Amino acid sequence: MAQFAFKALDAAGVPTRGEIDASDKKVVVSQLRSKGLIVVDIEEKKPASAGDLLANFKRVKATELTIASRQLSVMISSGMPLLRALYVIEEQTENDKLKEAFVAVRQDVEAGLALSDALARHSDIFNELYIAMVAAGETGGILESTLVRVSDQLEADDALRRQVRAAMIYPSVIGGFALVVLMALVAFLVPVFEDIFKDFGGDLPPITKLTVAMSHVVTGRWYVLIGAVVAVVYAFRRWKASERGRLQWDTLKLKAPMKIGGIVQKVCLARFSRTFSSLIAAGVPMLVAIDITGRTSGNRVIENAMASVSDSVTAGGTITAPMRNVPTAFPVMVTQMMGVGEETGALETMLSKIADFYEDQVAAAIKGLTSILEPVMIIVVGGIVGFIVIAMYLPMFKVYDQIK
């Protein structure tokens, strides 16, 4: 006996699916027809292989999803039927996980499901914003233009993400190098000097004692160091995953020094404005757009503010009134421009202008941060090396003074 997964339609044309144990596909077809179902698709379920298990860990890059969405929008805009366009996407997609998702989406659409409902079954690839915009496009009969907006939104998000990631490469490399240098000096250089200090006798300076103690931990009790790092990382993740911890962490990020908080705020505002504008332009209902914008903002402060906005709109109030109470997330310029957009009925346009402004601001702020971080990181590395050198030579200077 084998297990088969089937898709079928009932007498009213409502799609249904399930699994049946049978000897072959003919038996499955016979059983389904006896129940008054029209068979759409039957597939034998195979045991999961090692390759299938590994596929679960594969990721779909934002660039790959952007390209596939852009191709789909171009084909549908040119007049190609949706099913045929999905077939073409299947053939052109190189990422196995994304390809499997589009195969399943095409099969669901063939079975009678709406495209948005088919996409919603793969929420690990297609987020709420993507699904909501497609659903709005289907409802309004403007799927072609909506898919173009989805592609534009994905490209803007991807570009913003690449800017931030590129800015983090330099400090990450220098920070890693500084850590390696520190470990190497403490593990290999300090023990050599420690043997020399034993011949000197006497009491060592406090800074030297601290360095020698660090060397003992690294060389003799490294497992304690690793355990401490693991415990700190685990505790930090647990704290950040909690409701209170996430709010505190997101608030701290907005207030971080050295212009980092300003960059975090600009990134959040650019994403918030672009998402909100795209949802409104796609015809998504206002309350739904507010809810999705908050959940996809990436910052709990903004998410809580959007929850207040939703309550205000539900009660007949304005969008901008609750936002003015959160100046750490929404500067005066943002609330003023959105207020004008509400009054003139051009909220989508204002949000798009805000997004363009802050995306440009992010690029400029990242360049400024990089110019600041370069000398700071050099000073940090120099300080680490200088600390070890001074700690090792202080006892020698002390002995030299005694000899004089």
Protein backbone atom coordinates (compact mmCIF):
# COMPACT_ATOMS: atom_id res chain seq x y z
CA MET A 1 0.00 0.00 0.00
CA ALA A 2 1.19 3.49 -0.87
CA GLN A 3 -0.01 6.90 0.26
CA PHE A 4 -1.35 9.34 -2.33
CA ALA A 5 -2.07 13.05 -1.98
CA PHE A 6 -5.00 14.22 -4.11
CA LYS A 7 -6.66 17.45 -5.20
CA ALA A 8 -10.23 17.40 -6.42
CA LEU A 9 -13.37 19.47 -6.97
CA ASP A 10 -16.82 18.68 -5.59
CA ALA A 11 -20.08 19.10 -7.48
CA ALA A 12 -20.18 22.81 -6.59
CA GLY A 13 -16.65 23.37 -7.88
CA VAL A 14 -15.18 23.84 -4.40
CA PRO A 15 -11.58 22.55 -4.26
CA THR A 16 -10.67 19.88 -1.73
CA ARG A 17 -7.54 17.92 -0.93
CA GLY A 18 -6.42 15.04 1.24
CA GLU A 19 -4.53 11.76 1.43
CA ILE A 20 -5.60 8.17 0.66
CA ASP A 21 -3.87 4.82 1.16
CA ALA A 22 -4.25 2.67 -1.95
CA SER A 23 -2.36 0.20 -4.15
CA ASP A 24 -2.17 2.51 -7.19
CA LYS A 25 -3.56 5.73 -8.71
CA LYS A 26 -6.44 3.95 -10.45
CA VAL A 27 -7.84 2.85 -7.12
CA VAL A 28 -7.57 6.42 -5.82
CA VAL A 29 -9.45 7.78 -8.86
CA SER A 30 -12.16 5.15 -8.42
CA GLN A 31 -12.61 5.99 -4.73
CA LEU A 32 -12.80 9.73 -5.39
CA ARG A 33 -15.30 9.36 -8.24
CA SER A 34 -17.49 7.18 -6.04
CA LYS A 35 -17.69 10.16 -3.67
CA GLY A 36 -18.78 12.47 -6.48
CA LEU A 37 -15.45 14.28 -6.74
CA ILE A 38 -13.71 15.43 -9.92
CA VAL A 39 -10.03 14.49 -9.77
CA VAL A 40 -7.60 17.34 -10.43
CA ASP A 41 -4.26 15.93 -9.36
CA ILE A 42 -2.89 12.78 -7.70
CA GLU A 43 0.65 12.41 -6.47
CA GLU A 44 2.28 9.52 -4.65
CA LYS A 45 3.93 10.58 -1.42
CA LYS A 46 7.49 9.33 -1.15
CA PRO A 47 9.44 8.89 2.09
CA ALA A 48 11.53 11.92 2.94
CA SER A 49 15.10 11.53 1.72
CA ALA A 50 18.23 13.17 3.08
CA GLY A 51 18.07 15.65 0.19
CA ASP A 52 14.49 16.59 1.11
CA LEU A 53 15.49 17.16 4.73
CA LEU A 54 18.39 19.36 3.64
CA ALA A 55 16.05 21.31 1.36
CA ASN A 56 14.09 22.42 4.43
CA PHE A 57 17.15 24.38 5.55
CA LYS A 58 17.57 26.16 2.21
CA ARG A 59 16.68 29.81 2.07
CA VAL A 60 15.10 31.88 -0.66
CA LYS A 61 17.14 35.02 -1.17
CA ALA A 62 15.29 38.31 -1.44
CA THR A 63 16.91 38.89 -4.84
CA GLU A 64 15.60 35.57 -6.18
CA LEU A 65 12.04 36.30 -5.06
CA THR A 66 12.28 39.82 -6.50
CA ILE A 67 13.40 38.54 -9.90
CA ALA A 68 10.68 35.87 -10.00
CA SER A 69 8.01 38.41 -9.02
CA ARG A 70 9.24 40.87 -11.65
CA GLN A 71 9.14 38.16 -14.33
CA LEU A 72 5.63 37.16 -13.30
CA SER A 73 4.42 40.77 -13.42
CA VAL A 74 5.96 41.35 -16.86
CA MET A 75 4.41 38.18 -18.34
CA ILE A 76 0.93 38.88 -16.93
CA SER A 77 1.12 42.53 -18.01
CA SER A 78 1.90 41.36 -21.54
CA GLY A 79 -1.36 39.39 -21.62
CA MET A 80 -0.04 35.92 -20.80
CA PRO A 81 -2.52 33.77 -18.83
CA LEU A 82 -1.64 33.32 -15.15
CA LEU A 83 -1.21 29.53 -15.34
CA ARG A 84 1.12 29.75 -18.31
CA ALA A 85 3.15 32.46 -16.58
CA LEU A 86 3.48 30.24 -13.50
CA TYR A 87 4.67 27.37 -15.70
CA VAL A 88 7.38 29.63 -17.16
CA ILE A 89 8.44 30.75 -13.67
CA GLU A 90 8.80 27.10 -12.66
CA GLU A 91 11.16 26.44 -15.55
CA GLN A 92 13.30 29.55 -15.00
CA THR A 93 13.63 29.47 -11.21
CA GLU A 94 16.96 27.97 -10.12
CA ASN A 95 16.38 27.91 -6.36
CA ASP A 96 14.87 24.50 -5.57
CA LYS A 97 12.79 25.69 -2.62
CA LEU A 98 11.32 28.62 -4.56
CA LYS A 99 10.69 26.36 -7.56
CA GLU A 100 8.79 23.85 -5.40
CA ALA A 101 6.73 26.70 -3.97
CA PHE A 102 5.76 27.95 -7.45
CA VAL A 103 4.92 24.39 -8.54
CA ALA A 104 2.58 24.05 -5.56
CA VAL A 105 1.10 27.51 -6.22
CA ARG A 106 0.45 26.62 -9.88
CA GLN A 107 -1.21 23.35 -8.89
CA ASP A 108 -3.42 25.12 -6.36
CA VAL A 109 -4.43 27.73 -8.94
CA GLU A 110 -5.24 24.93 -11.38
CA ALA A 111 -7.42 23.38 -8.66
CA GLY A 112 -9.43 26.59 -8.44
CA LEU A 113 -7.74 28.52 -5.63
CA ALA A 114 -7.09 32.24 -5.90
CA LEU A 115 -3.44 33.19 -6.40
CA SER A 116 -3.31 34.96 -3.02
CA ASP A 117 -4.71 31.89 -1.24
CA ALA A 118 -2.17 29.68 -2.97
CA LEU A 119 0.66 32.02 -1.97
CA ALA A 120 -0.59 32.11 1.64
CA ARG A 121 0.18 28.40 1.94
CA HIS A 122 3.89 29.29 1.67
CA SER A 123 4.14 32.03 4.29
CA ASP A 124 7.82 31.22 4.86
CA ILE A 125 8.53 32.60 1.36
CA PHE A 126 5.70 35.06 0.65
CA ASN A 127 5.16 37.46 3.58
CA GLU A 128 1.94 39.15 4.68
CA LEU A 129 2.65 42.25 2.62
CA TYR A 130 3.11 40.21 -0.57
CA ILE A 131 -0.08 38.18 -0.02
CA ALA A 132 -2.22 41.18 0.97
CA MET A 133 -1.21 43.18 -2.10
CA VAL A 134 -1.88 40.24 -4.44
CA ALA A 135 -5.29 39.67 -2.78
CA ALA A 136 -6.17 43.34 -3.20
CA GLY A 137 -5.11 43.22 -6.85
CA GLU A 138 -7.31 40.18 -7.47
CA THR A 139 -10.29 41.80 -5.75
CA GLY A 140 -9.92 45.04 -7.70
CA GLY A 141 -9.18 43.34 -11.02
CA ILE A 142 -5.76 45.02 -11.24
CA LEU A 143 -3.49 42.03 -10.60
CA GLU A 144 -1.06 43.12 -13.34
CA SER A 145 -0.33 46.54 -11.87
CA THR A 146 -0.36 45.14 -8.33
CA LEU A 147 2.34 42.60 -9.20
CA VAL A 148 4.44 45.46 -10.57
CA ARG A 149 4.04 47.28 -7.24
CA VAL A 150 4.95 44.10 -5.37
CA SER A 151 8.13 43.79 -7.43
CA ASP A 152 9.00 47.46 -6.83
CA GLN A 153 8.43 46.99 -3.09
CA LEU A 154 10.66 43.90 -2.98
CA GLU A 155 13.40 45.67 -4.93
CA ALA A 156 13.27 48.70 -2.61
CA ASP A 157 13.42 46.47 0.50
CA ASP A 158 16.29 44.46 -0.96
CA ALA A 159 18.27 47.60 -1.86
CA LEU A 160 17.78 48.99 1.65
CA ARG A 161 18.85 45.69 3.19
CA ARG A 162 21.99 45.54 1.03
CA GLN A 163 22.98 49.07 2.07
CA VAL A 164 22.76 48.21 5.76
CA ARG A 165 24.54 44.88 5.28
CA ALA A 166 27.37 46.50 3.33
CA ALA A 167 27.83 49.06 6.09
CA MET A 168 28.22 46.28 8.66
CA ILE A 169 30.95 44.41 6.77
CA TYR A 170 33.84 46.72 7.71
CA PRO A 171 33.21 46.93 11.48
CA SER A 172 32.49 43.19 11.59
CA VAL A 173 35.79 42.33 9.88
CA ILE A 174 37.82 44.73 12.04
CA GLY A 175 36.03 43.58 15.20
CA GLY A 176 36.73 39.94 14.36
CA PHE A 177 40.36 40.75 13.63
CA ALA A 178 40.69 42.59 16.96
CA LEU A 179 39.26 39.59 18.81
CA VAL A 180 41.65 37.19 17.05
CA VAL A 181 44.62 39.45 17.87
CA LEU A 182 43.55 39.67 21.53
CA MET A 183 43.16 35.88 21.84
CA ALA A 184 46.51 35.25 20.14
CA LEU A 185 48.38 37.69 22.38
CA VAL A 186 46.76 36.40 25.55
CA ALA A 187 47.19 32.72 24.65
CA PHE A 188 50.74 32.77 23.24
CA LEU A 189 52.59 35.96 24.20
CA VAL A 190 51.53 36.42 27.82
CA PRO A 191 52.62 32.90 28.99
CA VAL A 192 56.15 33.61 27.70
CA PHE A 193 56.38 36.80 29.73
CA GLU A 194 54.79 35.08 32.75
CA ASP A 195 57.74 32.69 32.95
CA ILE A 196 60.10 35.66 32.89
CA PHE A 197 58.15 37.42 35.65
CA LYS A 198 58.60 34.42 37.95
CA ASP A 199 62.35 34.97 37.86
CA PHE A 200 61.88 38.63 38.81
CA GLY A 201 60.00 37.86 42.02
CA GLY A 202 58.02 40.52 43.84
CA ASP A 203 54.47 41.70 43.30
CA LEU A 204 53.21 42.36 39.76
CA PRO A 205 51.35 45.55 38.78
CA PRO A 206 47.50 45.23 38.80
CA ILE A 207 47.26 45.60 35.00
CA THR A 208 49.74 42.74 34.55
CA LYS A 209 47.88 40.54 37.04
CA LEU A 210 44.67 41.12 35.09
CA THR A 211 46.35 40.17 31.80
CA VAL A 212 47.91 37.04 33.29
CA ALA A 213 44.53 36.03 34.75
CA MET A 214 42.95 36.45 31.30
CA SER A 215 45.69 34.24 29.88
CA HIS A 216 44.97 31.52 32.44
CA VAL A 217 41.27 31.56 31.54
CA VAL A 218 41.95 31.37 27.79
CA THR A 219 44.60 28.65 27.99
CA GLY A 220 43.48 26.62 31.02
CA ARG A 221 39.77 27.24 31.41
CA TRP A 222 38.63 27.94 27.87
CA TYR A 223 35.51 25.85 28.45
CA VAL A 224 34.39 28.36 31.12
CA LEU A 225 34.85 31.19 28.61
CA ILE A 226 32.85 29.36 25.94
CA GLY A 227 30.14 28.48 28.45
CA ALA A 228 29.90 32.10 29.57
CA VAL A 229 29.59 33.32 25.97
CA VAL A 230 26.90 30.72 25.20
CA ALA A 231 25.00 31.63 28.38
CA VAL A 232 25.13 35.36 27.59
CA VAL A 233 23.96 34.80 24.00
CA TYR A 234 21.15 32.50 25.15
CA ALA A 235 20.01 34.94 27.85
CA PHE A 236 20.12 37.83 25.37
CA ARG A 237 18.02 35.94 22.82
CA ARG A 238 15.48 34.90 25.45
CA TRP A 239 15.22 38.49 26.64
CA LYS A 240 14.89 39.85 23.10
CA ALA A 241 12.27 37.23 22.23
CA SER A 242 10.06 38.29 25.15
CA GLU A 243 7.43 41.00 24.64
CA ARG A 244 9.05 43.37 27.12
CA GLY A 245 12.59 42.62 25.96
CA ARG A 246 11.82 43.22 22.29
CA LEU A 247 10.24 46.59 23.06
CA GLN A 248 13.23 47.59 25.21
CA TRP A 249 15.71 46.41 22.58
CA ASP A 250 13.96 48.23 19.74
CA THR A 251 13.79 51.38 21.88
CA LEU A 252 17.52 51.12 22.66
CA LYS A 253 18.32 50.75 18.96
CA LEU A 254 16.49 53.99 18.21
CA LYS A 255 18.55 55.78 20.89
CA ALA A 256 21.94 54.20 20.12
CA PRO A 257 24.90 56.67 20.05
CA MET A 258 27.34 57.47 17.22
CA LYS A 259 24.50 58.10 14.74
CA ILE A 260 23.54 54.41 14.86
CA GLY A 261 20.15 55.22 16.38
CA GLY A 262 19.51 57.76 13.64
CA ILE A 263 20.28 55.20 10.95
CA VAL A 264 17.99 52.62 12.61
CA GLN A 265 15.20 55.21 12.69
CA LYS A 266 15.71 56.15 9.04
CA VAL A 267 15.71 52.50 7.94
CA CYS A 268 12.49 51.83 9.87
CA LEU A 269 10.82 54.95 8.46
CA ALA A 270 11.85 54.12 4.90
CA ARG A 271 10.44 50.59 5.23
CA PHE A 272 7.31 51.79 7.03
CA SER A 273 6.53 54.51 4.47
CA ARG A 274 7.21 52.32 1.43
CA THR A 275 5.11 49.46 2.80
CA PHE A 276 2.19 51.69 3.80
CA SER A 277 2.26 53.48 0.44
CA SER A 278 2.36 50.22 -1.52
CA LEU A 279 -0.56 48.73 0.41
CA ILE A 280 -2.72 51.83 -0.08
CA ALA A 281 -1.82 51.99 -3.78
CA ALA A 282 -2.75 48.30 -4.18
CA GLY A 283 -6.22 48.99 -2.78
CA VAL A 284 -5.79 47.17 0.54
CA PRO A 285 -8.39 48.35 3.11
CA MET A 286 -6.97 51.02 5.41
CA LEU A 287 -7.25 49.07 8.68
CA VAL A 288 -5.68 46.00 7.10
CA ALA A 289 -2.90 48.16 5.63
CA ILE A 290 -2.22 49.73 9.03
CA ASP A 291 -2.09 46.31 10.70
CA ILE A 292 0.27 44.79 8.11
CA THR A 293 2.51 47.88 8.08
CA GLY A 294 2.94 47.63 11.84
CA ARG A 295 3.74 43.90 11.83
CA THR A 296 6.24 44.18 8.97
CA SER A 297 7.99 47.34 10.22
CA GLY A 298 10.68 45.37 12.05
CA ASN A 299 10.45 47.56 15.16
CA ARG A 300 8.11 47.02 18.11
CA VAL A 301 7.92 50.77 18.87
CA ILE A 302 6.46 51.43 15.42
CA GLU A 303 4.27 48.32 15.66
CA ASN A 304 2.73 49.56 18.94
CA ALA A 305 2.26 53.01 17.42
CA MET A 306 0.42 51.49 14.45
CA ALA A 307 -1.84 49.58 16.85
CA SER A 308 -2.78 52.96 18.37
CA VAL A 309 -3.32 54.33 14.85
CA SER A 310 -5.68 51.44 14.12
CA ASP A 311 -7.69 52.22 17.26
CA SER A 312 -7.81 55.90 16.31
CA VAL A 313 -9.02 55.20 12.75
CA THR A 314 -11.61 52.70 14.04
CA ALA A 315 -12.95 55.38 16.39
CA GLY A 316 -13.13 57.91 13.54
CA GLY A 317 -9.88 59.73 14.38
CA THR A 318 -6.87 60.53 12.24
CA ILE A 319 -3.81 58.45 11.40
CA THR A 320 -1.26 61.01 12.51
CA ALA A 321 -2.65 61.89 15.97
CA PRO A 322 -1.28 58.76 17.75
CA MET A 323 1.98 58.97 15.81
CA ARG A 324 2.75 62.41 17.27
CA ASN A 325 2.97 60.76 20.70
CA VAL A 326 5.99 58.68 19.57
CA PRO A 327 8.60 61.30 18.51
CA THR A 328 11.47 58.78 18.88
CA ALA A 329 10.07 56.85 15.92
CA PHE A 330 8.16 59.49 13.94
CA PRO A 331 9.84 62.92 13.50
CA VAL A 332 7.72 66.04 13.10
CA MET A 333 8.35 66.13 9.34
CA VAL A 334 6.80 62.67 8.91
CA THR A 335 3.67 63.39 10.91
CA GLN A 336 3.22 66.81 9.23
CA MET A 337 3.54 65.38 5.72
CA MET A 338 1.19 62.51 6.51
CA GLY A 339 -1.27 64.98 8.05
CA VAL A 340 -1.27 67.00 4.84
CA GLY A 341 -1.71 63.78 2.86
CA GLU A 342 -4.76 62.85 4.95
CA GLU A 343 -6.32 66.28 4.52
CA THR A 344 -5.77 66.42 0.75
CA GLY A 345 -6.47 62.73 0.01
CA ALA A 346 -2.89 62.25 -1.22
CA LEU A 347 -1.62 60.02 1.61
CA GLU A 348 -0.14 57.48 -0.82
CA THR A 349 1.87 60.20 -2.59
CA MET A 350 3.13 61.70 0.68
CA LEU A 351 4.19 58.29 1.99
CA SER A 352 6.05 57.60 -1.25
CA LYS A 353 7.89 60.93 -0.95
CA ILE A 354 8.78 60.16 2.68
CA ALA A 355 10.13 56.76 1.64
CA ASP A 356 12.25 58.28 -1.15
CA PHE A 357 13.62 60.92 1.24
CA TYR A 358 14.60 58.46 3.97
CA GLU A 359 16.08 55.94 1.57
CA ASP A 360 18.41 58.69 0.35
CA GLN A 361 19.06 59.68 3.97
CA VAL A 362 20.00 56.10 4.84
CA ALA A 363 22.62 56.02 2.08
CA ALA A 364 24.13 59.33 3.23
CA ALA A 365 24.03 58.36 6.93
CA ILE A 366 25.72 55.02 6.26
CA LYS A 367 28.58 56.77 4.44
CA GLY A 368 28.96 59.14 7.37
CA LEU A 369 28.91 56.27 9.88
CA THR A 370 31.55 54.37 7.91
CA SER A 371 33.86 57.40 7.93
CA ILE A 372 33.46 57.60 11.73
CA LEU A 373 33.87 53.87 12.35
CA GLU A 374 37.17 53.55 10.47
CA PRO A 375 39.27 55.62 12.91
CA VAL A 376 37.29 54.30 15.90
CA MET A 377 38.02 50.67 14.97
CA ILE A 378 41.70 51.48 14.37
CA ILE A 379 41.86 53.08 17.83
CA VAL A 380 40.17 50.02 19.37
CA VAL A 381 42.63 47.58 17.78
CA GLY A 382 45.56 49.81 18.74
CA GLY A 383 44.21 50.08 22.28
CA ILE A 384 43.99 46.30 22.64
CA VAL A 385 47.55 45.75 21.45
CA GLY A 386 48.82 48.69 23.51
CA PHE A 387 47.11 47.35 26.66
CA ILE A 388 48.83 43.97 26.32
CA VAL A 389 52.24 45.51 25.55
CA ILE A 390 52.08 47.92 28.51
CA ALA A 391 50.92 45.13 30.84
CA MET A 392 53.89 42.99 29.82
CA TYR A 393 56.54 45.70 30.04
CA LEU A 394 55.47 47.36 33.31
CA PRO A 395 57.20 44.69 35.48
CA MET A 396 60.40 45.15 33.46
CA PHE A 397 60.30 48.91 34.06
CA LYS A 398 59.76 48.24 37.77
CA VAL A 399 62.83 45.98 37.91
CA TYR A 400 64.86 48.55 35.99
CA ASP A 401 63.90 51.26 38.53
CA GLN A 402 64.97 48.99 41.39
CA ILE A 403 68.33 48.36 39.73
CA LYS A 404 68.94 52.12 39.39
